[in-house]
């Protein structure tokens, strides 16, 4: 049975991030035989495009509030259906949405593999690689945090097989 991995990442917000995610990261995971649950593809593009093109104002704000609930519910259900999470932790600090998804997965008892290819310091102290609580949740159920994309396949095998 194919294992399902939810990809937690802020990369969907930018063109450069999407390019790296879909040209580099997702193929690594897919080639290993995992089914990718991609939060950036769970909500129809038409909903996002529709509201993005609206004029600034109350109607746009209210529509975003509706869509935000749809996005949150879709992502929550995908995490529930997953066997675990692959989380991209790049940035000055771990993205708040990614951190939330890691915490939710940990609360559900799901393992997490974190990838931080960003060489900037992001930990609370010399003992960690990222925020202490985020790293704890990653490691809580046997997950790993790796710093090289080439180490991702081995980490996924160890954590999810």
C-alpha atoms as a PDB file:
ATOM      1  CA  UNK A   1       0.000   0.000   0.000  1.00  0.00           C
ATOM      2  CA  UNK A   2       1.367   3.395  -1.003  1.00  0.00           C
ATOM      3  CA  UNK A   3       2.227   5.672   1.891  1.00  0.00           C
ATOM      4  CA  UNK A   4       0.786   9.185   1.785  1.00  0.00           C
ATOM      5  CA  UNK A   5       3.005  12.118   2.684  1.00  0.00           C
ATOM      6  CA  UNK A   6       1.631  15.581   3.301  1.00  0.00           C
ATOM      7  CA  UNK A   7       4.118  18.249   2.251  1.00  0.00           C
ATOM      8  CA  UNK A   8       4.153  21.190   4.655  1.00  0.00           C
ATOM      9  CA  UNK A   9       5.889  24.157   3.082  1.00  0.00           C
ATOM     10  CA  UNK A  10       5.691  27.885   2.476  1.00  0.00           C
ATOM     11  CA  UNK A  11       6.990  27.396  -1.085  1.00  0.00           C
ATOM     12  CA  UNK A  12       3.566  27.713  -2.710  1.00  0.00           C
ATOM     13  CA  UNK A  13       3.442  31.438  -1.989  1.00  0.00           C
ATOM     14  CA  UNK A  14       6.067  32.436  -4.579  1.00  0.00           C
ATOM     15  CA  UNK A  15       6.895  31.576  -8.161  1.00  0.00           C
ATOM     16  CA  UNK A  16      10.489  30.692  -7.223  1.00  0.00           C
ATOM     17  CA  UNK A  17       9.296  28.517  -4.347  1.00  0.00           C
ATOM     18  CA  UNK A  18       6.783  26.669  -6.537  1.00  0.00           C
ATOM     19  CA  UNK A  19       9.459  26.050  -9.143  1.00  0.00           C
ATOM     20  CA  UNK A  20      11.830  24.524  -6.584  1.00  0.00           C
ATOM     21  CA  UNK A  21       9.044  22.528  -4.962  1.00  0.00           C
ATOM     22  CA  UNK A  22       7.635  20.994  -8.147  1.00  0.00           C
ATOM     23  CA  UNK A  23      10.875  20.663 -10.123  1.00  0.00           C
ATOM     24  CA  UNK A  24      13.119  19.439  -7.310  1.00  0.00           C
ATOM     25  CA  UNK A  25      11.462  18.425  -4.031  1.00  0.00           C
ATOM     26  CA  UNK A  26       8.264  16.665  -5.139  1.00  0.00           C
ATOM     27  CA  UNK A  27      10.080  14.478  -7.715  1.00  0.00           C
ATOM     28  CA  UNK A  28      12.459  13.206  -5.003  1.00  0.00           C
ATOM     29  CA  UNK A  29       9.495  12.111  -2.887  1.00  0.00           C
ATOM     30  CA  UNK A  30       7.407  10.758  -5.772  1.00  0.00           C
ATOM     31  CA  UNK A  31      10.338   8.721  -7.145  1.00  0.00           C
ATOM     32  CA  UNK A  32      10.464   6.890  -3.815  1.00  0.00           C
ATOM     33  CA  UNK A  33       6.881   5.746  -4.355  1.00  0.00           C
ATOM     34  CA  UNK A  34       5.041   8.033  -1.948  1.00  0.00           C
ATOM     35  CA  UNK A  35       1.698   9.597  -2.772  1.00  0.00           C
ATOM     36  CA  UNK A  36       2.135  13.341  -2.300  1.00  0.00           C
ATOM     37  CA  UNK A  37      -0.634  15.218  -0.508  1.00  0.00           C
ATOM     38  CA  UNK A  38       0.045  18.777  -1.591  1.00  0.00           C
ATOM     39  CA  UNK A  39      -1.825  21.495   0.322  1.00  0.00           C
ATOM     40  CA  UNK A  40      -1.185  23.922  -2.527  1.00  0.00           C
ATOM     41  CA  UNK A  41      -3.313  21.749  -4.805  1.00  0.00           C
ATOM     42  CA  UNK A  42      -6.120  20.768  -2.428  1.00  0.00           C
ATOM     43  CA  UNK A  43      -8.179  23.926  -2.952  1.00  0.00           C
ATOM     44  CA  UNK A  44      -9.277  24.732  -6.515  1.00  0.00           C
ATOM     45  CA  UNK A  45      -7.215  27.462  -8.190  1.00  0.00           C
ATOM     46  CA  UNK A  46     -10.433  29.071  -9.385  1.00  0.00           C
ATOM     47  CA  UNK A  47     -11.347  30.043  -5.820  1.00  0.00           C
ATOM     48  CA  UNK A  48      -7.994  31.701  -5.221  1.00  0.00           C
ATOM     49  CA  UNK A  49      -7.952  33.426  -8.615  1.00  0.00           C
ATOM     50  CA  UNK A  50     -11.495  34.699  -8.159  1.00  0.00           C
ATOM     51  CA  UNK A  51     -10.811  36.377  -4.836  1.00  0.00           C
ATOM     52  CA  UNK A  52      -7.346  37.599  -5.862  1.00  0.00           C
ATOM     53  CA  UNK A  53      -8.882  39.529  -8.740  1.00  0.00           C
ATOM     54  CA  UNK A  54     -11.522  41.224  -6.607  1.00  0.00           C
ATOM     55  CA  UNK A  55     -11.174  44.904  -5.764  1.00  0.00           C
ATOM     56  CA  UNK A  56      -9.805  45.694  -2.348  1.00  0.00           C
ATOM     57  CA  UNK A  57     -12.519  46.081   0.261  1.00  0.00           C
ATOM     58  CA  UNK A  58     -15.014  44.396   2.567  1.00  0.00           C
ATOM     59  CA  UNK A  59     -16.340  41.947  -0.026  1.00  0.00           C
ATOM     60  CA  UNK A  60     -12.827  40.706  -0.807  1.00  0.00           C
ATOM     61  CA  UNK A  61     -11.958  40.410   2.889  1.00  0.00           C
ATOM     62  CA  UNK A  62     -15.149  38.445   3.578  1.00  0.00           C
ATOM     63  CA  UNK A  63     -14.557  36.138   0.617  1.00  0.00           C
ATOM     64  CA  UNK A  64     -11.002  35.482   1.825  1.00  0.00           C
ATOM     65  CA  UNK A  65     -12.410  34.562   5.233  1.00  0.00           C
ATOM     66  CA  UNK A  66     -14.662  31.967   3.576  1.00  0.00           C
ATOM     67  CA  UNK A  67     -11.855  30.570   1.445  1.00  0.00           C
ATOM     68  CA  UNK A  68      -9.453  30.477   4.398  1.00  0.00           C
ATOM     69  CA  UNK A  69     -11.862  28.118   6.169  1.00  0.00           C
ATOM     70  CA  UNK A  70     -11.979  25.889   3.083  1.00  0.00           C
ATOM     71  CA  UNK A  71      -8.183  25.847   2.822  1.00  0.00           C
ATOM     72  CA  UNK A  72      -7.777  25.089   6.536  1.00  0.00           C
ATOM     73  CA  UNK A  73     -10.334  22.268   6.429  1.00  0.00           C
ATOM     74  CA  UNK A  74      -8.789  20.749   3.278  1.00  0.00           C
ATOM     75  CA  UNK A  75      -5.302  20.799   4.784  1.00  0.00           C
ATOM     76  CA  UNK A  76      -6.503  19.390   8.108  1.00  0.00           C
ATOM     77  CA  UNK A  77      -8.224  16.480   6.390  1.00  0.00           C
ATOM     78  CA  UNK A  78      -5.150  15.758   4.250  1.00  0.00           C
ATOM     79  CA  UNK A  79      -2.942  15.642   7.350  1.00  0.00           C
ATOM     80  CA  UNK A  80      -5.426  13.252   8.981  1.00  0.00           C
ATOM     81  CA  UNK A  81      -5.357  11.017   5.875  1.00  0.00           C
ATOM     82  CA  UNK A  82      -1.556  11.064   5.603  1.00  0.00           C
ATOM     83  CA  UNK A  83       0.899   8.576   7.012  1.00  0.00           C
ATOM     84  CA  UNK A  84       3.102  11.493   8.023  1.00  0.00           C
ATOM     85  CA  UNK A  85       4.556  14.799   6.976  1.00  0.00           C
ATOM     86  CA  UNK A  86       7.511  16.005   4.990  1.00  0.00           C
ATOM     87  CA  UNK A  87       8.150  19.579   6.139  1.00  0.00           C
ATOM     88  CA  UNK A  88      10.302  22.191   4.456  1.00  0.00           C
ATOM     89  CA  UNK A  89      11.793  24.401   7.147  1.00  0.00           C
ATOM     90  CA  UNK A  90      13.699  27.008   5.123  1.00  0.00           C
ATOM     91  CA  UNK A  91      13.485  30.707   5.921  1.00  0.00           C
ATOM     92  CA  UNK A  92      14.756  32.988   8.638  1.00  0.00           C
ATOM     93  CA  UNK A  93      12.303  31.168  10.905  1.00  0.00           C
ATOM     94  CA  UNK A  94      10.102  28.155  10.197  1.00  0.00           C
ATOM     95  CA  UNK A  95       6.908  29.298   8.449  1.00  0.00           C
ATOM     96  CA  UNK A  96       4.050  29.562  10.960  1.00  0.00           C
ATOM     97  CA  UNK A  97       1.702  27.443   8.840  1.00  0.00           C
ATOM     98  CA  UNK A  98       4.335  24.757   8.422  1.00  0.00           C
ATOM     99  CA  UNK A  99       5.009  24.819  12.175  1.00  0.00           C
ATOM    100  CA  UNK A 100       1.276  24.454  12.851  1.00  0.00           C
ATOM    101  CA  UNK A 101       1.010  21.493  10.480  1.00  0.00           C
ATOM    102  CA  UNK A 102       3.985  19.825  12.193  1.00  0.00           C
ATOM    103  CA  UNK A 103       2.373  20.323  15.604  1.00  0.00           C
ATOM    104  CA  UNK A 104      -0.971  18.973  14.429  1.00  0.00           C
ATOM    105  CA  UNK A 105       0.685  15.906  12.910  1.00  0.00           C
ATOM    106  CA  UNK A 106       2.632  15.307  16.128  1.00  0.00           C
ATOM    107  CA  UNK A 107      -0.597  15.552  18.136  1.00  0.00           C
ATOM    108  CA  UNK A 108      -2.078  12.882  15.862  1.00  0.00           C
ATOM    109  CA  UNK A 109       0.954  10.645  16.435  1.00  0.00           C
ATOM    110  CA  UNK A 110       2.242  10.994  12.871  1.00  0.00           C
ATOM    111  CA  UNK A 111       5.965  11.048  12.123  1.00  0.00           C
ATOM    112  CA  UNK A 112       7.623  14.040  10.480  1.00  0.00           C
ATOM    113  CA  UNK A 113      10.719  14.395   8.345  1.00  0.00           C
ATOM    114  CA  UNK A 114      11.949  17.966   8.307  1.00  0.00           C
ATOM    115  CA  UNK A 115      14.257  19.389   5.660  1.00  0.00           C
ATOM    116  CA  UNK A 116      16.170  22.611   6.243  1.00  0.00           C
ATOM    117  CA  UNK A 117      18.544  23.350   3.389  1.00  0.00           C
ATOM    118  CA  UNK A 118      18.823  26.980   4.498  1.00  0.00           C
ATOM    119  CA  UNK A 119      22.222  27.564   6.147  1.00  0.00           C
ATOM    120  CA  UNK A 120      21.109  30.577   8.207  1.00  0.00           C
ATOM    121  CA  UNK A 121      20.831  30.061  11.947  1.00  0.00           C
ATOM    122  CA  UNK A 122      17.241  29.571  13.047  1.00  0.00           C
ATOM    123  CA  UNK A 123      17.419  27.726  16.354  1.00  0.00           C
ATOM    124  CA  UNK A 124      16.785  29.013  19.853  1.00  0.00           C
ATOM    125  CA  UNK A 125      20.249  27.870  20.950  1.00  0.00           C
ATOM    126  CA  UNK A 126      23.272  25.862  19.815  1.00  0.00           C
ATOM    127  CA  UNK A 127      21.522  22.571  20.589  1.00  0.00           C
ATOM    128  CA  UNK A 128      18.984  22.807  17.778  1.00  0.00           C
ATOM    129  CA  UNK A 129      18.585  23.477  14.087  1.00  0.00           C
ATOM    130  CA  UNK A 130      15.176  25.188  14.276  1.00  0.00           C
ATOM    131  CA  UNK A 131      12.770  26.400  16.969  1.00  0.00           C
ATOM    132  CA  UNK A 132      12.990  24.065  19.964  1.00  0.00           C
ATOM    133  CA  UNK A 133       9.290  23.137  19.914  1.00  0.00           C
ATOM    134  CA  UNK A 134       9.222  22.529  16.149  1.00  0.00           C
ATOM    135  CA  UNK A 135      12.277  20.283  16.380  1.00  0.00           C
ATOM    136  CA  UNK A 136      10.780  18.437  19.349  1.00  0.00           C
ATOM    137  CA  UNK A 137       7.569  17.735  17.413  1.00  0.00           C
ATOM    138  CA  UNK A 138       9.590  16.514  14.433  1.00  0.00           C
ATOM    139  CA  UNK A 139      11.554  14.087  16.577  1.00  0.00           C
ATOM    140  CA  UNK A 140       8.654  13.185  18.913  1.00  0.00           C
ATOM    141  CA  UNK A 141       7.496  10.124  16.944  1.00  0.00           C
ATOM    142  CA  UNK A 142      10.839   9.050  15.494  1.00  0.00           C
ATOM    143  CA  UNK A 143      11.110  11.751  12.847  1.00  0.00           C
ATOM    144  CA  UNK A 144      14.311  13.292  11.598  1.00  0.00           C
ATOM    145  CA  UNK A 145      15.579  16.692  10.577  1.00  0.00           C
ATOM    146  CA  UNK A 146      17.990  16.735   7.628  1.00  0.00           C
ATOM    147  CA  UNK A 147      19.959  19.571   6.070  1.00  0.00           C
ATOM    148  CA  UNK A 148      20.803  18.137   2.648  1.00  0.00           C
ATOM    149  CA  UNK A 149      18.260  17.234  -0.031  1.00  0.00           C
ATOM    150  CA  UNK A 150      20.388  14.187  -0.824  1.00  0.00           C
ATOM    151  CA  UNK A 151      19.671  12.884   2.712  1.00  0.00           C
ATOM    152  CA  UNK A 152      15.888  13.066   2.283  1.00  0.00           C
ATOM    153  CA  UNK A 153      15.422   9.612   0.674  1.00  0.00           C
ATOM    154  CA  UNK A 154      17.270   7.828   3.477  1.00  0.00           C
ATOM    155  CA  UNK A 155      15.424   9.787   6.181  1.00  0.00           C
ATOM    156  CA  UNK A 156      12.057   8.983   4.591  1.00  0.00           C
ATOM    157  CA  UNK A 157      12.955   5.283   4.410  1.00  0.00           C
ATOM    158  CA  UNK A 158      14.017   5.194   8.051  1.00  0.00           C
ATOM    159  CA  UNK A 159      10.982   7.079   9.329  1.00  0.00           C
ATOM    160  CA  UNK A 160       8.206   5.706   7.108  1.00  0.00           C
ATOM    161  CA  UNK A 161       9.205   2.085   6.438  1.00  0.00           C
END
